[in-house]
Amino acid sequence: MLPIVTSAGATTTLGAVADLGITDGPPQIRSENARLNGWVYVDISGRDLGSYVAQAQKFVTERVALPAGYSIIWSGQFEYLERAARKLKTGGTVHAGDRLRAAVPHVP
């Protein structure tokens, strides 16, 4: 048992003041914007990131009912892809050397 010292100076064990147990859950607890969060990592091969995330978002939206106060954010490389596509849409033509037009993927 893990010994702890109380504010009055007495010694007790952690088990005497708390219920301890092992449960399944995320491998780490993080917070972002003062909200606890869990992460799911996905490695994609054999297809483009944008179409995979679009299909995954549709699947999750149709089949996962989130309790009040919960949210899902699609992040990582997909977030960078969306940001770059928005910048390219608002910035117009990207020039490199002479006049090279950048192809901008459609991101809803």
Foldseek 3Di string as FASTA:
>chain_A
DDWDADPVGDIDHPVVVDDDDDDDDAPDWDDDPNHIDHDDDDDDPDDDPQVVVVVVVVVCVVPPDDDPPDDDDDDDVVPVLVVVLVCCVVVDADDDDPGDGDDRDDHD
